[in-house]
Amino acid sequence: KFKEVKEQSKQGILFMAASEKMASILKEQGRLKEAYDLLSPLQAQLDADSLKSLHKIAYDSGLYREAVKLGERAYSNDPNYDTALLNALSYSMLNEPIPALGWLKRALSDGMPN
C-alpha cells in the first residue's frame, strides 16, 4: 500500500509519509540498504526523526562518512546524546580519534549515562 501511495503521489506530504513508513518497515526487516537507498535522496526533506533514522541506518550499514554528515545535521536539528554517541562511534570507525572524543564528550554532557 505505501509503495502505491508513494508512486501515485510522486511528491509532497503523502509521498514523504509513505517513503518514511516504507523505510521504517525495511529497517525493521533488516533490509538496511533498501531503506538507505529509499531515504538518502530525500534527506534534505526529512523530518528530525526520519533524519535520525537515516543516520542510524547509515551507521549500521557501515557508511561511516555518510553517517557523520547525517549525524551532524541530525544533531543540529535535535541535540541529544544518542546522536552524539553515534557520531563518536562513526568517527571512531573512520579512525579519527579527535572528533570521536569530542562527540563522546558531547554525548556525556548531553546526559548519556556512564
PDB file of N, CA and C in Angstrom:
ATOM      1  N   LYS A   1       0.815  -1.208   0.000  1.00  0.00           N
ATOM      2  CA  LYS A   1       0.000   0.000   0.000  1.00  0.00           C
ATOM      3  C   LYS A   1       0.858   1.271   0.000  1.00  0.00           C
ATOM      4  N   PHE A   2       1.881   1.307   0.868  1.00  0.00           N
ATOM      5  CA  PHE A   2       2.716   2.512   0.938  1.00  0.00           C
ATOM      6  C   PHE A   2       3.432   2.749  -0.383  1.00  0.00           C
ATOM      7  N   LYS A   3       3.833   1.664  -1.029  1.00  0.00           N
ATOM      8  CA  LYS A   3       4.509   1.791  -2.312  1.00  0.00           C
ATOM      9  C   LYS A   3       3.574   2.401  -3.350  1.00  0.00           C
ATOM     10  N   GLU A   4       2.306   1.981  -3.339  1.00  0.00           N
ATOM     11  CA  GLU A   4       1.317   2.537  -4.266  1.00  0.00           C
ATOM     12  C   GLU A   4       1.115   4.025  -4.013  1.00  0.00           C
ATOM     13  N   VAL A   5       0.976   4.399  -2.759  1.00  0.00           N
ATOM     14  CA  VAL A   5       0.789   5.813  -2.408  1.00  0.00           C
ATOM     15  C   VAL A   5       1.998   6.616  -2.854  1.00  0.00           C
ATOM     16  N   LYS A   6       3.175   6.103  -2.604  1.00  0.00           N
ATOM     17  CA  LYS A   6       4.417   6.783  -2.972  1.00  0.00           C
ATOM     18  C   LYS A   6       4.488   6.985  -4.481  1.00  0.00           C
ATOM     19  N   GLU A   7       4.181   5.928  -5.233  1.00  0.00           N
ATOM     20  CA  GLU A   7       4.267   6.014  -6.691  1.00  0.00           C
ATOM     21  C   GLU A   7       3.203   6.941  -7.270  1.00  0.00           C
ATOM     22  N   GLN A   8       2.032   6.968  -6.668  1.00  0.00           N
ATOM     23  CA  GLN A   8       0.964   7.809  -7.186  1.00  0.00           C
ATOM     24  C   GLN A   8       1.150   9.276  -6.828  1.00  0.00           C
ATOM     25  N   SER A   9       1.692   9.558  -5.649  1.00  0.00           N
ATOM     26  CA  SER A   9       1.797  10.947  -5.212  1.00  0.00           C
ATOM     27  C   SER A   9       3.045  11.637  -5.744  1.00  0.00           C
ATOM     28  N   LYS A  10       4.139  10.931  -5.945  1.00  0.00           N
ATOM     29  CA  LYS A  10       5.402  11.424  -6.510  1.00  0.00           C
ATOM     30  C   LYS A  10       6.093  12.530  -5.717  1.00  0.00           C
ATOM     31  N   GLN A  11       5.371  13.280  -4.905  1.00  0.00           N
ATOM     32  CA  GLN A  11       5.969  14.329  -4.079  1.00  0.00           C
ATOM     33  C   GLN A  11       4.960  14.792  -3.032  1.00  0.00           C
ATOM     34  N   GLY A  12       5.400  15.658  -2.155  1.00  0.00           N
ATOM     35  CA  GLY A  12       4.507  16.212  -1.157  1.00  0.00           C
ATOM     36  C   GLY A  12       4.418  15.381   0.114  1.00  0.00           C
ATOM     37  N   ILE A  13       3.454  15.731   0.927  1.00  0.00           N
ATOM     38  CA  ILE A  13       3.306  15.143   2.251  1.00  0.00           C
ATOM     39  C   ILE A  13       3.031  13.643   2.177  1.00  0.00           C
ATOM     40  N   LEU A  14       2.133  13.213   1.318  1.00  0.00           N
ATOM     41  CA  LEU A  14       1.824  11.787   1.207  1.00  0.00           C
ATOM     42  C   LEU A  14       3.034  10.996   0.725  1.00  0.00           C
ATOM     43  N   PHE A  15       3.760  11.542  -0.226  1.00  0.00           N
ATOM     44  CA  PHE A  15       4.964  10.898  -0.742  1.00  0.00           C
ATOM     45  C   PHE A  15       5.989  10.716   0.364  1.00  0.00           C
ATOM     46  N   MET A  16       6.228  11.776   1.135  1.00  0.00           N
ATOM     47  CA  MET A  16       7.209  11.701   2.222  1.00  0.00           C
ATOM     48  C   MET A  16       6.758  10.725   3.302  1.00  0.00           C
ATOM     49  N   ALA A  17       5.489  10.784   3.682  1.00  0.00           N
ATOM     50  CA  ALA A  17       4.985   9.883   4.725  1.00  0.00           C
ATOM     51  C   ALA A  17       5.091   8.425   4.280  1.00  0.00           C
ATOM     52  N   ALA A  18       4.732   8.155   3.033  1.00  0.00           N
ATOM     53  CA  ALA A  18       4.820   6.781   2.524  1.00  0.00           C
ATOM     54  C   ALA A  18       6.278   6.326   2.460  1.00  0.00           C
ATOM     55  N   SER A  19       7.166   7.209   2.019  1.00  0.00           N
ATOM     56  CA  SER A  19       8.593   6.861   1.936  1.00  0.00           C
ATOM     57  C   SER A  19       9.167   6.580   3.313  1.00  0.00           C
ATOM     58  N   GLU A  20       8.844   7.425   4.282  1.00  0.00           N
ATOM     59  CA  GLU A  20       9.358   7.243   5.641  1.00  0.00           C
ATOM     60  C   GLU A  20       8.819   5.956   6.261  1.00  0.00           C
ATOM     61  N   LYS A  21       7.562   5.656   6.038  1.00  0.00           N
ATOM     62  CA  LYS A  21       6.976   4.426   6.590  1.00  0.00           C
ATOM     63  C   LYS A  21       7.579   3.193   5.917  1.00  0.00           C
ATOM     64  N   MET A  22       7.760   3.248   4.600  1.00  0.00           N
ATOM     65  CA  MET A  22       8.385   2.127   3.893  1.00  0.00           C
ATOM     66  C   MET A  22       9.797   1.886   4.411  1.00  0.00           C
ATOM     67  N   ALA A  23      10.545   2.959   4.613  1.00  0.00           N
ATOM     68  CA  ALA A  23      11.918   2.821   5.122  1.00  0.00           C
ATOM     69  C   ALA A  23      11.917   2.226   6.524  1.00  0.00           C
ATOM     70  N   SER A  24      10.966   2.629   7.347  1.00  0.00           N
ATOM     71  CA  SER A  24      10.862   2.080   8.698  1.00  0.00           C
ATOM     72  C   SER A  24      10.599   0.575   8.658  1.00  0.00           C
ATOM     73  N   ILE A  25       9.733   0.152   7.786  1.00  0.00           N
ATOM     74  CA  ILE A  25       9.420  -1.273   7.648  1.00  0.00           C
ATOM     75  C   ILE A  25      10.650  -2.034   7.146  1.00  0.00           C
ATOM     76  N   LEU A  26      11.323  -1.479   6.138  1.00  0.00           N
ATOM     77  CA  LEU A  26      12.531  -2.121   5.605  1.00  0.00           C
ATOM     78  C   LEU A  26      13.610  -2.228   6.679  1.00  0.00           C
ATOM     79  N   LYS A  27      13.757  -1.183   7.481  1.00  0.00           N
ATOM     80  CA  LYS A  27      14.746  -1.203   8.564  1.00  0.00           C
ATOM     81  C   LYS A  27      14.418  -2.304   9.566  1.00  0.00           C
ATOM     82  N   GLU A  28      13.149  -2.422   9.942  1.00  0.00           N
ATOM     83  CA  GLU A  28      12.726  -3.461  10.883  1.00  0.00           C
ATOM     84  C   GLU A  28      12.978  -4.861  10.327  1.00  0.00           C
ATOM     85  N   GLN A  29      12.902  -4.993   9.011  1.00  0.00           N
ATOM     86  CA  GLN A  29      13.131  -6.281   8.365  1.00  0.00           C
ATOM     87  C   GLN A  29      14.615  -6.553   8.133  1.00  0.00           C
ATOM     88  N   GLY A  30      15.468  -5.604   8.509  1.00  0.00           N
ATOM     89  CA  GLY A  30      16.904  -5.773   8.311  1.00  0.00           C
ATOM     90  C   GLY A  30      17.369  -5.476   6.898  1.00  0.00           C
ATOM     91  N   ARG A  31      16.534  -4.863   6.117  1.00  0.00           N
ATOM     92  CA  ARG A  31      16.860  -4.529   4.727  1.00  0.00           C
ATOM     93  C   ARG A  31      17.401  -3.092   4.688  1.00  0.00           C
ATOM     94  N   LEU A  32      18.572  -2.940   5.300  1.00  0.00           N
ATOM     95  CA  LEU A  32      19.145  -1.611   5.518  1.00  0.00           C
ATOM     96  C   LEU A  32      19.507  -0.902   4.224  1.00  0.00           C
ATOM     97  N   LYS A  33      20.077  -1.612   3.279  1.00  0.00           N
ATOM     98  CA  LYS A  33      20.471  -0.971   2.026  1.00  0.00           C
ATOM     99  C   LYS A  33      19.250  -0.386   1.318  1.00  0.00           C
ATOM    100  N   GLU A  34      18.173  -1.149   1.287  1.00  0.00           N
ATOM    101  CA  GLU A  34      16.947  -0.662   0.648  1.00  0.00           C
ATOM    102  C   GLU A  34      16.390   0.551   1.390  1.00  0.00           C
ATOM    103  N   ALA A  35      16.406   0.505   2.711  1.00  0.00           N
ATOM    104  CA  ALA A  35      15.926   1.640   3.500  1.00  0.00           C
ATOM    105  C   ALA A  35      16.795   2.869   3.248  1.00  0.00           C
ATOM    106  N   TYR A  36      18.112   2.668   3.242  1.00  0.00           N
ATOM    107  CA  TYR A  36      19.035   3.773   2.983  1.00  0.00           C
ATOM    108  C   TYR A  36      18.812   4.350   1.584  1.00  0.00           C
ATOM    109  N   ASP A  37      18.723   3.478   0.593  1.00  0.00           N
ATOM    110  CA  ASP A  37      18.528   3.930  -0.788  1.00  0.00           C
ATOM    111  C   ASP A  37      17.209   4.675  -0.967  1.00  0.00           C
ATOM    112  N   LEU A  38      16.222   4.329  -0.189  1.00  0.00           N
ATOM    113  CA  LEU A  38      14.925   4.996  -0.267  1.00  0.00           C
ATOM    114  C   LEU A  38      14.974   6.395   0.344  1.00  0.00           C
ATOM    115  N   LEU A  39      15.626   6.522   1.515  1.00  0.00           N
ATOM    116  CA  LEU A  39      15.621   7.802   2.225  1.00  0.00           C
ATOM    117  C   LEU A  39      16.741   8.761   1.813  1.00  0.00           C
ATOM    118  N   SER A  40      17.855   8.228   1.396  1.00  0.00           N
ATOM    119  CA  SER A  40      19.007   9.082   1.114  1.00  0.00           C
ATOM    120  C   SER A  40      18.713  10.207   0.120  1.00  0.00           C
ATOM    121  N   PRO A  41      18.040   9.939  -0.994  1.00  0.00           N
ATOM    122  CA  PRO A  41      17.757  11.036  -1.923  1.00  0.00           C
ATOM    123  C   PRO A  41      16.798  12.089  -1.354  1.00  0.00           C
ATOM    124  N   LEU A  42      16.099  11.741  -0.282  1.00  0.00           N
ATOM    125  CA  LEU A  42      15.104  12.639   0.316  1.00  0.00           C
ATOM    126  C   LEU A  42      15.625  13.337   1.562  1.00  0.00           C
ATOM    127  N   GLN A  43      16.911  13.150   1.893  1.00  0.00           N
ATOM    128  CA  GLN A  43      17.412  13.584   3.192  1.00  0.00           C
ATOM    129  C   GLN A  43      17.204  15.064   3.478  1.00  0.00           C
ATOM    130  N   ALA A  44      17.209  15.911   2.473  1.00  0.00           N
ATOM    131  CA  ALA A  44      17.012  17.351   2.694  1.00  0.00           C
ATOM    132  C   ALA A  44      15.588  17.655   3.154  1.00  0.00           C
ATOM    133  N   GLN A  45      14.652  16.757   2.877  1.00  0.00           N
ATOM    134  CA  GLN A  45      13.248  16.995   3.216  1.00  0.00           C
ATOM    135  C   GLN A  45      12.775  16.199   4.425  1.00  0.00           C
ATOM    136  N   LEU A  46      13.639  15.374   4.999  1.00  0.00           N
ATOM    137  CA  LEU A  46      13.213  14.512   6.107  1.00  0.00           C
ATOM    138  C   LEU A  46      12.968  15.302   7.380  1.00  0.00           C
ATOM    139  N   ASP A  47      11.994  14.857   8.153  1.00  0.00           N
ATOM    140  CA  ASP A  47      11.792  15.446   9.469  1.00  0.00           C
ATOM    141  C   ASP A  47      12.896  14.954  10.402  1.00  0.00           C
ATOM    142  N   ALA A  48      12.966  15.515  11.597  1.00  0.00           N
ATOM    143  CA  ALA A  48      14.065  15.219  12.528  1.00  0.00           C
ATOM    144  C   ALA A  48      14.147  13.735  12.864  1.00  0.00           C
ATOM    145  N   ASP A  49      13.027  13.087  13.098  1.00  0.00           N
ATOM    146  CA  ASP A  49      13.044  11.660  13.447  1.00  0.00           C
ATOM    147  C   ASP A  49      13.513  10.798  12.284  1.00  0.00           C
ATOM    148  N   SER A  50      13.067  11.117  11.082  1.00  0.00           N
ATOM    149  CA  SER A  50      13.485  10.337   9.918  1.00  0.00           C
ATOM    150  C   SER A  50      14.960  10.567   9.599  1.00  0.00           C
ATOM    151  N   LEU A  51      15.446  11.774   9.835  1.00  0.00           N
ATOM    152  CA  LEU A  51      16.866  12.049   9.637  1.00  0.00           C
ATOM    153  C   LEU A  51      17.703  11.244  10.630  1.00  0.00           C
ATOM    154  N   LYS A  52      17.247  11.166  11.885  1.00  0.00           N
ATOM    155  CA  LYS A  52      17.947  10.338  12.878  1.00  0.00           C
ATOM    156  C   LYS A  52      17.915   8.865  12.482  1.00  0.00           C
ATOM    157  N   SER A  53      16.811   8.421  11.923  1.00  0.00           N
ATOM    158  CA  SER A  53      16.703   7.038  11.474  1.00  0.00           C
ATOM    159  C   SER A  53      17.677   6.773  10.326  1.00  0.00           C
ATOM    160  N   LEU A  54      17.770   7.692   9.383  1.00  0.00           N
ATOM    161  CA  LEU A  54      18.699   7.543   8.273  1.00  0.00           C
ATOM    162  C   LEU A  54      20.141   7.543   8.778  1.00  0.00           C
ATOM    163  N   HIS A  55      20.418   8.369   9.779  1.00  0.00           N
ATOM    164  CA  HIS A  55      21.741   8.407  10.411  1.00  0.00           C
ATOM    165  C   HIS A  55      22.090   7.025  10.963  1.00  0.00           C
ATOM    166  N   LYS A  56      21.172   6.404  11.681  1.00  0.00           N
ATOM    167  CA  LYS A  56      21.396   5.080  12.265  1.00  0.00           C
ATOM    168  C   LYS A  56      21.540   4.016  11.179  1.00  0.00           C
ATOM    169  N   ILE A  57      20.725   4.112  10.148  1.00  0.00           N
ATOM    170  CA  ILE A  57      20.810   3.155   9.040  1.00  0.00           C
ATOM    171  C   ILE A  57      22.181   3.258   8.370  1.00  0.00           C
ATOM    172  N   ALA A  58      22.655   4.476   8.144  1.00  0.00           N
ATOM    173  CA  ALA A  58      23.972   4.665   7.521  1.00  0.00           C
ATOM    174  C   ALA A  58      25.054   4.036   8.398  1.00  0.00           C
ATOM    175  N   TYR A  59      24.993   4.289   9.699  1.00  0.00           N
ATOM    176  CA  TYR A  59      25.984   3.704  10.608  1.00  0.00           C
ATOM    177  C   TYR A  59      25.914   2.174  10.579  1.00  0.00           C
ATOM    178  N   ASP A  60      24.730   1.633  10.731  1.00  0.00           N
ATOM    179  CA  ASP A  60      24.556   0.175  10.760  1.00  0.00           C
ATOM    180  C   ASP A  60      24.962  -0.476   9.434  1.00  0.00           C
ATOM    181  N   SER A  61      24.942   0.301   8.352  1.00  0.00           N
ATOM    182  CA  SER A  61      25.335  -0.202   7.034  1.00  0.00           C
ATOM    183  C   SER A  61      26.830  -0.066   6.777  1.00  0.00           C
ATOM    184  N   GLY A  62      27.549   0.527   7.724  1.00  0.00           N
ATOM    185  CA  GLY A  62      28.983   0.716   7.546  1.00  0.00           C
ATOM    186  C   GLY A  62      29.335   1.927   6.711  1.00  0.00           C
ATOM    187  N   LEU A  63      28.378   2.806   6.498  1.00  0.00           N
ATOM    188  CA  LEU A  63      28.599   4.032   5.722  1.00  0.00           C
ATOM    189  C   LEU A  63      28.967   5.156   6.689  1.00  0.00           C
ATOM    190  N   TYR A  64      30.144   5.032   7.282  1.00  0.00           N
ATOM    191  CA  TYR A  64      30.518   5.899   8.393  1.00  0.00           C
ATOM    192  C   TYR A  64      30.700   7.357   7.983  1.00  0.00           C
ATOM    193  N   ARG A  65      31.262   7.607   6.828  1.00  0.00           N
ATOM    194  CA  ARG A  65      31.442   9.001   6.379  1.00  0.00           C
ATOM    195  C   ARG A  65      30.076   9.649   6.179  1.00  0.00           C
ATOM    196  N   GLU A  66      29.167   8.919   5.568  1.00  0.00           N
ATOM    197  CA  GLU A  66      27.813   9.436   5.380  1.00  0.00           C
ATOM    198  C   GLU A  66      27.112   9.587   6.730  1.00  0.00           C
ATOM    199  N   ALA A  67      27.345   8.652   7.646  1.00  0.00           N
ATOM    200  CA  ALA A  67      26.748   8.740   8.980  1.00  0.00           C
ATOM    201  C   ALA A  67      27.202  10.006   9.692  1.00  0.00           C
ATOM    202  N   VAL A  68      28.472  10.369   9.534  1.00  0.00           N
ATOM    203  CA  VAL A  68      28.990  11.595  10.152  1.00  0.00           C
ATOM    204  C   VAL A  68      28.256  12.821   9.598  1.00  0.00           C
ATOM    205  N   LYS A  69      28.115  12.885   8.292  1.00  0.00           N
ATOM    206  CA  LYS A  69      27.420  14.034   7.672  1.00  0.00           C
ATOM    207  C   LYS A  69      25.970  14.121   8.151  1.00  0.00           C
ATOM    208  N   LEU A  70      25.293  12.983   8.119  1.00  0.00           N
ATOM    209  CA  LEU A  70      23.898  12.949   8.555  1.00  0.00           C
ATOM    210  C   LEU A  70      23.785  13.258  10.042  1.00  0.00           C
ATOM    211  N   GLY A  71      24.720  12.716  10.831  1.00  0.00           N
ATOM    212  CA  GLY A  71      24.693  12.921  12.271  1.00  0.00           C
ATOM    213  C   GLY A  71      24.903  14.370  12.672  1.00  0.00           C
ATOM    214  N   GLU A  72      25.761  15.063  11.961  1.00  0.00           N
ATOM    215  CA  GLU A  72      25.968  16.475  12.279  1.00  0.00           C
ATOM    216  C   GLU A  72      24.702  17.277  12.013  1.00  0.00           C
ATOM    217  N   ARG A  73      24.027  16.966  10.908  1.00  0.00           N
ATOM    218  CA  ARG A  73      22.750  17.643  10.621  1.00  0.00           C
ATOM    219  C   ARG A  73      21.683  17.255  11.638  1.00  0.00           C
ATOM    220  N   ALA A  74      21.614  15.959  11.943  1.00  0.00           N
ATOM    221  CA  ALA A  74      20.605  15.485  12.897  1.00  0.00           C
ATOM    222  C   ALA A  74      20.819  16.125  14.257  1.00  0.00           C
ATOM    223  N   TYR A  75      22.075  16.224  14.672  1.00  0.00           N
ATOM    224  CA  TYR A  75      22.364  16.814  15.979  1.00  0.00           C
ATOM    225  C   TYR A  75      22.015  18.303  16.002  1.00  0.00           C
ATOM    226  N   SER A  76      22.279  19.011  14.923  1.00  0.00           N
ATOM    227  CA  SER A  76      21.952  20.443  14.908  1.00  0.00           C
ATOM    228  C   SER A  76      20.442  20.659  14.943  1.00  0.00           C
ATOM    229  N   ASN A  77      19.671  19.717  14.403  1.00  0.00           N
ATOM    230  CA  ASN A  77      18.203  19.804  14.446  1.00  0.00           C
ATOM    231  C   ASN A  77      17.639  19.415  15.804  1.00  0.00           C
ATOM    232  N   ASP A  78      18.277  18.426  16.445  1.00  0.00           N
ATOM    233  CA  ASP A  78      17.761  17.888  17.700  1.00  0.00           C
ATOM    234  C   ASP A  78      18.924  17.346  18.524  1.00  0.00           C
ATOM    235  N   PRO A  79      19.613  18.217  19.277  1.00  0.00           N
ATOM    236  CA  PRO A  79      20.765  17.763  20.065  1.00  0.00           C
ATOM    237  C   PRO A  79      20.354  16.731  21.116  1.00  0.00           C
ATOM    238  N   ASN A  80      21.012  15.571  21.077  1.00  0.00           N
ATOM    239  CA  ASN A  80      20.742  14.523  22.066  1.00  0.00           C
ATOM    240  C   ASN A  80      21.927  13.583  22.120  1.00  0.00           C
ATOM    241  N   TYR A  81      22.054  12.870  23.221  1.00  0.00           N
ATOM    242  CA  TYR A  81      23.244  12.039  23.402  1.00  0.00           C
ATOM    243  C   TYR A  81      23.280  10.830  22.474  1.00  0.00           C
ATOM    244  N   ASP A  82      22.129  10.327  22.051  1.00  0.00           N
ATOM    245  CA  ASP A  82      22.141   9.186  21.134  1.00  0.00           C
ATOM    246  C   ASP A  82      22.816   9.552  19.811  1.00  0.00           C
ATOM    247  N   THR A  83      22.457  10.702  19.271  1.00  0.00           N
ATOM    248  CA  THR A  83      23.053  11.154  18.017  1.00  0.00           C
ATOM    249  C   THR A  83      24.525  11.463  18.209  1.00  0.00           C
ATOM    250  N   ALA A  84      24.869  12.122  19.311  1.00  0.00           N
ATOM    251  CA  ALA A  84      26.272  12.447  19.582  1.00  0.00           C
ATOM    252  C   ALA A  84      27.098  11.162  19.722  1.00  0.00           C
ATOM    253  N   LEU A  85      26.559  10.163  20.397  1.00  0.00           N
ATOM    254  CA  LEU A  85      27.276   8.902  20.565  1.00  0.00           C
ATOM    255  C   LEU A  85      27.477   8.201  19.223  1.00  0.00           C
ATOM    256  N   LEU A  86      26.450   8.191  18.388  1.00  0.00           N
ATOM    257  CA  LEU A  86      26.581   7.574  17.073  1.00  0.00           C
ATOM    258  C   LEU A  86      27.614   8.314  16.221  1.00  0.00           C
ATOM    259  N   ASN A  87      27.683   9.635  16.385  1.00  0.00           N
ATOM    260  CA  ASN A  87      28.724  10.400  15.692  1.00  0.00           C
ATOM    261  C   ASN A  87      30.107  10.005  16.199  1.00  0.00           C
ATOM    262  N   ALA A  88      30.244   9.850  17.510  1.00  0.00           N
ATOM    263  CA  ALA A  88      31.527   9.433  18.091  1.00  0.00           C
ATOM    264  C   ALA A  88      31.932   8.064  17.552  1.00  0.00           C
ATOM    265  N   LEU A  89      31.003   7.144  17.514  1.00  0.00           N
ATOM    266  CA  LEU A  89      31.297   5.804  17.003  1.00  0.00           C
ATOM    267  C   LEU A  89      31.660   5.838  15.521  1.00  0.00           C
ATOM    268  N   SER A  90      30.974   6.679  14.762  1.00  0.00           N
ATOM    269  CA  SER A  90      31.272   6.796  13.330  1.00  0.00           C
ATOM    270  C   SER A  90      32.686   7.312  13.116  1.00  0.00           C
ATOM    271  N   TYR A  91      33.041   8.371  13.835  1.00  0.00           N
ATOM    272  CA  TYR A  91      34.401   8.909  13.713  1.00  0.00           C
ATOM    273  C   TYR A  91      35.430   7.879  14.169  1.00  0.00           C
ATOM    274  N   SER A  92      35.093   7.118  15.179  1.00  0.00           N
ATOM    275  CA  SER A  92      35.997   6.071  15.644  1.00  0.00           C
ATOM    276  C   SER A  92      36.232   5.033  14.550  1.00  0.00           C
ATOM    277  N   MET A  93      35.177   4.637  13.875  1.00  0.00           N
ATOM    278  CA  MET A  93      35.299   3.662  12.797  1.00  0.00           C
ATOM    279  C   MET A  93      36.098   4.222  11.619  1.00  0.00           C
ATOM    280  N   LEU A  94      36.117   5.549  11.485  1.00  0.00           N
ATOM    281  CA  LEU A  94      36.908   6.198  10.438  1.00  0.00           C
ATOM    282  C   LEU A  94      38.347   6.448  10.886  1.00  0.00           C
ATOM    283  N   ASN A  95      38.664   5.986  12.101  1.00  0.00           N
ATOM    284  CA  ASN A  95      39.994   6.172  12.678  1.00  0.00           C
ATOM    285  C   ASN A  95      40.350   7.660  12.820  1.00  0.00           C
ATOM    286  N   GLU A  96      39.372   8.426  13.298  1.00  0.00           N
ATOM    287  CA  GLU A  96      39.552   9.858  13.546  1.00  0.00           C
ATOM    288  C   GLU A  96      39.284  10.111  15.029  1.00  0.00           C
ATOM    289  N   PRO A  97      40.304   9.912  15.870  1.00  0.00           N
ATOM    290  CA  PRO A  97      40.092   9.937  17.314  1.00  0.00           C
ATOM    291  C   PRO A  97      39.724  11.308  17.886  1.00  0.00           C
ATOM    292  N   ILE A  98      40.223  12.387  17.316  1.00  0.00           N
ATOM    293  CA  ILE A  98      39.943  13.705  17.904  1.00  0.00           C
ATOM    294  C   ILE A  98      38.460  14.062  17.790  1.00  0.00           C
ATOM    295  N   PRO A  99      37.857  13.986  16.590  1.00  0.00           N
ATOM    296  CA  PRO A  99      36.410  14.257  16.572  1.00  0.00           C
ATOM    297  C   PRO A  99      35.597  13.199  17.317  1.00  0.00           C
ATOM    298  N   ALA A 100      36.091  11.950  17.314  1.00  0.00           N
ATOM    299  CA  ALA A 100      35.378  10.903  18.060  1.00  0.00           C
ATOM    300  C   ALA A 100      35.316  11.261  19.541  1.00  0.00           C
ATOM    301  N   LEU A 101      36.427  11.698  20.089  1.00  0.00           N
ATOM    302  CA  LEU A 101      36.470  12.080  21.502  1.00  0.00           C
ATOM    303  C   LEU A 101      35.593  13.299  21.772  1.00  0.00           C
ATOM    304  N   GLY A 102      35.624  14.263  20.852  1.00  0.00           N
ATOM    305  CA  GLY A 102      34.780  15.452  21.005  1.00  0.00           C
ATOM    306  C   GLY A 102      33.300  15.100  21.060  1.00  0.00           C
ATOM    307  N   TRP A 103      32.877  14.189  20.168  1.00  0.00           N
ATOM    308  CA  TRP A 103      31.474  13.777  20.168  1.00  0.00           C
ATOM    309  C   TRP A 103      31.130  12.940  21.395  1.00  0.00           C
ATOM    310  N   LEU A 104      32.078  12.163  21.865  1.00  0.00           N
ATOM    311  CA  LEU A 104      31.839  11.386  23.079  1.00  0.00           C
ATOM    312  C   LEU A 104      31.653  12.309  24.282  1.00  0.00           C
ATOM    313  N   LYS A 105      32.481  13.341  24.365  1.00  0.00           N
ATOM    314  CA  LYS A 105      32.321  14.337  25.439  1.00  0.00           C
ATOM    315  C   LYS A 105      30.971  15.033  25.320  1.00  0.00           C
ATOM    316  N   ARG A 106      30.560  15.323  24.094  1.00  0.00           N
ATOM    317  CA  ARG A 106      29.258  15.971  23.875  1.00  0.00           C
ATOM    318  C   ARG A 106      28.133  15.041  24.338  1.00  0.00           C
ATOM    319  N   ALA A 107      28.237  13.752  24.010  1.00  0.00           N
ATOM    320  CA  ALA A 107      27.209  12.798  24.453  1.00  0.00           C
ATOM    321  C   ALA A 107      27.100  12.767  25.959  1.00  0.00           C
ATOM    322  N   LEU A 108      28.244  12.776  26.648  1.00  0.00           N
ATOM    323  CA  LEU A 108      28.240  12.778  28.112  1.00  0.00           C
ATOM    324  C   LEU A 108      27.628  14.065  28.657  1.00  0.00           C
ATOM    325  N   SER A 109      27.987  15.188  28.051  1.00  0.00           N
ATOM    326  CA  SER A 109      27.432  16.458  28.534  1.00  0.00           C
ATOM    327  C   SER A 109      25.933  16.592  28.227  1.00  0.00           C
ATOM    328  N   ASP A 110      25.464  15.813  27.234  1.00  0.00           N
ATOM    329  CA  ASP A 110      24.043  15.817  26.903  1.00  0.00           C
ATOM    330  C   ASP A 110      23.244  14.839  27.752  1.00  0.00           C
ATOM    331  N   GLY A 111      23.929  14.178  28.713  1.00  0.00           N
ATOM    332  CA  GLY A 111      23.204  13.326  29.654  1.00  0.00           C
ATOM    333  C   GLY A 111      23.322  11.835  29.426  1.00  0.00           C
ATOM    334  N   MET A 112      24.254  11.409  28.582  1.00  0.00           N
ATOM    335  CA  MET A 112      24.415   9.971  28.370  1.00  0.00           C
ATOM    336  C   MET A 112      24.824   9.317  29.682  1.00  0.00           C
ATOM    337  N   PRO A 113      24.168   8.223  30.063  1.00  0.00           N
ATOM    338  CA  PRO A 113      24.554   7.529  31.291  1.00  0.00           C
ATOM    339  C   PRO A 113      25.976   6.971  31.169  1.00  0.00           C
ATOM    340  N   ASN A 114      26.696   6.954  32.289  1.00  0.00           N
ATOM    341  CA  ASN A 114      28.066   6.421  32.272  1.00  0.00           C
ATOM    342  C   ASN A 114      28.053   4.956  32.096  1.00  0.00           C
TER     343      ASN A 114
END
